[in-house]
Amino acid sequence: MPKKTIFSKDDTFESKRLYFRSVKEGDGELLFKWRCTPHVYEHARTAQAPSREEHDRWFARHMNNIFSVRYIIVEKSSGSELGVVACDSDDEHCELSYYLGEPSAQGKGYMKEALVTLFNHLATQYEIGRLMAETRADNLASIALIEKLGGVLFDEYSAENFVWRKYQIPLGKKGGA
């Protein structure tokens, strides 16, 4: 059985167009704004915006969890913060989550670049060999991206009034890029 991965809370890395920095305490308001944006929450577990209290509890839980890491995606040329990529580790796997919080960032290839870069970072810095990802079956853009990056569907189930698809994504030379 895999062991939990302990993540650094002070981590940075970059790609050609993007810079990634660990989420800090001061980012709570930005993440709340993004999580309350319809194009983000409509694909989330609850399919509704979190209340302020729900967000604050969620944010504190992730900030205090050494087995969870979130990175803000920043466009290098403008310094604009675009979204989040994240990984949460438990005794069985590391689970991927991601979103572009800024609607103007969609359709420009940022998330593909962000995920490829994250996958390489996780494989080299943390020796993670695969990730798990879940997405709603109606989130066709996310499904296409996961599959393009080597994700393999291994389960589909119904929960929270939606059909969910679970993927395994191999990292390293055979997948994830």
Protein backbone atom coordinates (compact mmCIF):
# COMPACT_ATOMS: atom_id res chain seq x y z
CA MET A 1 0.00 0.00 0.00
CA PRO A 2 1.40 3.47 -0.89
CA LYS A 3 2.42 5.79 1.91
CA LYS A 4 1.08 9.30 2.34
CA THR A 5 3.09 12.01 0.67
CA ILE A 6 4.16 14.95 2.83
CA PHE A 7 4.15 18.12 0.72
CA SER A 8 6.17 21.29 1.14
CA LYS A 9 4.02 24.34 1.87
CA ASP A 10 6.67 26.66 0.41
CA ASP A 11 7.13 25.37 -3.12
CA THR A 12 7.53 27.06 -6.51
CA PHE A 13 8.14 25.81 -10.04
CA GLU A 14 7.44 27.00 -13.57
CA SER A 15 6.72 26.16 -17.18
CA LYS A 16 7.16 28.19 -20.36
CA ARG A 17 4.19 30.53 -19.74
CA LEU A 18 3.27 29.78 -16.12
CA TYR A 19 4.65 30.11 -12.62
CA PHE A 20 3.34 28.04 -9.71
CA ARG A 21 3.47 28.99 -6.05
CA SER A 22 2.10 27.28 -2.99
CA VAL A 23 -1.16 28.67 -1.65
CA LYS A 24 -0.55 30.87 1.40
CA GLU A 25 -2.79 32.04 4.25
CA GLY A 26 -3.45 35.31 2.43
CA ASP A 27 -4.94 33.48 -0.58
CA GLY A 28 -8.16 32.53 1.21
CA GLU A 29 -10.13 35.43 -0.23
CA LEU A 30 -8.97 34.75 -3.80
CA LEU A 31 -9.86 31.06 -3.56
CA PHE A 32 -13.25 31.95 -2.06
CA LYS A 33 -13.92 34.29 -4.99
CA TRP A 34 -12.98 31.59 -7.49
CA ARG A 35 -14.94 28.84 -5.70
CA CYS A 36 -18.02 31.10 -5.83
CA THR A 37 -17.71 31.57 -9.60
CA PRO A 38 -20.41 29.60 -11.48
CA HIS A 39 -18.02 28.02 -14.01
CA VAL A 40 -16.03 26.59 -11.06
CA TYR A 41 -18.74 25.47 -8.65
CA GLU A 42 -21.00 24.01 -11.33
CA HIS A 43 -18.46 21.17 -11.67
CA ALA A 44 -17.75 20.78 -7.95
CA ARG A 45 -19.14 18.09 -5.65
CA THR A 46 -21.98 20.22 -4.36
CA ALA A 47 -22.67 22.11 -7.61
CA GLN A 48 -23.24 25.25 -5.56
CA ALA A 49 -21.05 28.00 -4.18
CA PRO A 50 -19.76 27.41 -0.66
CA SER A 51 -20.86 29.68 2.16
CA ARG A 52 -18.16 31.85 3.72
CA GLU A 53 -18.08 29.55 6.77
CA GLU A 54 -17.82 26.39 4.64
CA HIS A 55 -14.97 27.91 2.64
CA ASP A 56 -13.09 29.08 5.73
CA ARG A 57 -13.32 25.58 7.29
CA TRP A 58 -12.20 23.97 4.00
CA PHE A 59 -9.32 26.44 3.60
CA ALA A 60 -8.08 25.94 7.19
CA ARG A 61 -8.28 22.16 6.82
CA HIS A 62 -6.12 22.21 3.68
CA MET A 63 -3.66 24.79 4.96
CA ASN A 64 -3.04 22.71 8.09
CA ASN A 65 -2.77 19.37 6.26
CA ILE A 66 0.79 18.35 5.36
CA PHE A 67 -0.65 15.69 3.04
CA SER A 68 -2.39 18.32 0.88
CA VAL A 69 -0.88 20.92 -1.44
CA ARG A 70 -2.41 23.64 -3.61
CA TYR A 71 -0.62 25.82 -6.11
CA ILE A 72 -1.77 29.13 -7.58
CA ILE A 73 -1.21 29.21 -11.35
CA VAL A 74 0.26 32.58 -12.40
CA GLU A 75 0.75 33.76 -15.97
CA LYS A 76 4.37 34.91 -16.18
CA SER A 77 3.94 37.67 -18.76
CA SER A 78 1.15 39.53 -16.93
CA GLY A 79 1.46 38.28 -13.34
CA SER A 80 -2.24 37.37 -13.47
CA GLU A 81 -3.40 34.64 -11.11
CA LEU A 82 -5.41 32.18 -13.19
CA GLY A 83 -6.42 29.19 -11.10
CA VAL A 84 -5.37 26.28 -8.91
CA VAL A 85 -3.85 22.82 -9.26
CA ALA A 86 -3.80 20.59 -6.19
CA CYS A 87 -2.93 17.17 -4.85
CA ASP A 88 -4.25 15.45 -1.73
CA SER A 89 -2.52 12.32 -0.44
CA ASP A 90 -3.91 9.53 1.71
CA ASP A 91 -2.85 5.94 2.43
CA GLU A 92 -4.15 4.73 -0.93
CA HIS A 93 -3.44 7.42 -3.53
CA CYS A 94 -2.83 11.05 -4.44
CA GLU A 95 -5.90 12.80 -5.79
CA LEU A 96 -5.69 15.58 -8.35
CA SER A 97 -7.95 18.62 -8.43
CA TYR A 98 -7.79 21.73 -10.58
CA TYR A 99 -9.70 24.68 -11.97
CA LEU A 100 -9.20 27.96 -13.76
CA GLY A 101 -10.78 30.61 -11.57
CA GLU A 102 -10.55 33.35 -14.16
CA PRO A 103 -13.03 32.82 -17.03
CA SER A 104 -10.77 34.77 -19.43
CA ALA A 105 -8.08 32.07 -18.98
CA GLN A 106 -10.23 29.30 -20.45
CA GLY A 107 -9.56 27.94 -23.93
CA LYS A 108 -5.92 29.06 -24.07
CA GLY A 109 -4.21 25.79 -23.14
CA TYR A 110 -3.24 27.00 -19.67
CA MET A 111 -4.69 24.02 -17.82
CA LYS A 112 -3.02 21.46 -20.07
CA GLU A 113 0.32 23.24 -19.57
CA ALA A 114 -0.35 23.51 -15.83
CA LEU A 115 -1.17 19.82 -15.42
CA VAL A 116 1.78 18.59 -17.49
CA THR A 117 4.07 20.81 -15.39
CA LEU A 118 2.45 19.68 -12.12
CA PHE A 119 2.74 16.01 -13.14
CA ASN A 120 6.45 16.42 -13.86
CA HIS A 121 6.96 18.27 -10.57
CA LEU A 122 5.13 15.61 -8.53
CA ALA A 123 7.01 12.78 -10.26
CA THR A 124 10.46 14.33 -9.81
CA GLN A 125 10.14 16.13 -6.45
CA TYR A 126 7.86 13.71 -4.62
CA GLU A 127 8.36 10.46 -6.57
CA ILE A 128 4.64 10.10 -7.19
CA GLY A 129 3.99 7.54 -9.93
CA ARG A 130 0.28 8.07 -10.51
CA LEU A 131 -2.61 10.29 -9.59
CA MET A 132 -6.30 9.72 -9.24
CA ALA A 133 -8.83 12.18 -10.63
CA GLU A 134 -12.61 12.30 -10.38
CA THR A 135 -14.81 14.40 -12.60
CA ARG A 136 -18.50 14.64 -13.28
CA ALA A 137 -19.52 12.76 -16.41
CA ASP A 138 -21.04 15.96 -17.82
CA ASN A 139 -17.72 17.85 -17.58
CA LEU A 140 -16.62 16.97 -21.11
CA ALA A 141 -13.69 19.42 -21.23
CA SER A 142 -12.17 17.94 -18.08
CA ILE A 143 -12.69 14.37 -19.31
CA ALA A 144 -11.03 15.20 -22.65
CA LEU A 145 -8.06 16.80 -20.88
CA ILE A 146 -7.58 13.94 -18.41
CA GLU A 147 -7.74 11.37 -21.21
CA LYS A 148 -5.37 13.41 -23.41
CA LEU A 149 -2.85 13.38 -20.54
CA GLY A 150 -2.99 9.60 -20.23
CA GLY A 151 -5.83 9.18 -17.74
CA VAL A 152 -7.48 5.76 -17.79
CA LEU A 153 -11.11 5.41 -16.72
CA PHE A 154 -11.48 2.72 -14.07
CA ASP A 155 -14.79 3.45 -12.36
CA GLU A 156 -18.05 5.29 -12.82
CA TYR A 157 -20.58 5.80 -10.04
CA SER A 158 -23.51 7.97 -8.94
CA ALA A 159 -23.29 10.27 -5.93
CA GLU A 160 -24.51 13.73 -4.94
CA ASN A 161 -27.12 13.50 -7.75
CA PHE A 162 -24.43 13.20 -10.45
CA VAL A 163 -22.57 10.52 -12.36
CA TRP A 164 -18.85 10.62 -11.57
CA ARG A 165 -15.92 9.17 -13.52
CA LYS A 166 -12.71 8.06 -11.77
CA TYR A 167 -9.39 8.05 -13.61
CA GLN A 168 -5.87 6.86 -12.91
CA ILE A 169 -3.17 9.03 -14.46
CA PRO A 170 0.32 7.50 -14.71
CA LEU A 171 3.13 10.01 -14.23
CA GLY A 172 6.59 9.94 -15.70
CA LYS A 173 7.66 8.79 -19.15
CA LYS A 174 4.63 6.61 -19.87
CA GLY A 175 1.91 9.13 -19.05
CA GLY A 176 0.90 12.50 -17.80
CA ALA A 177 2.35 14.46 -20.69
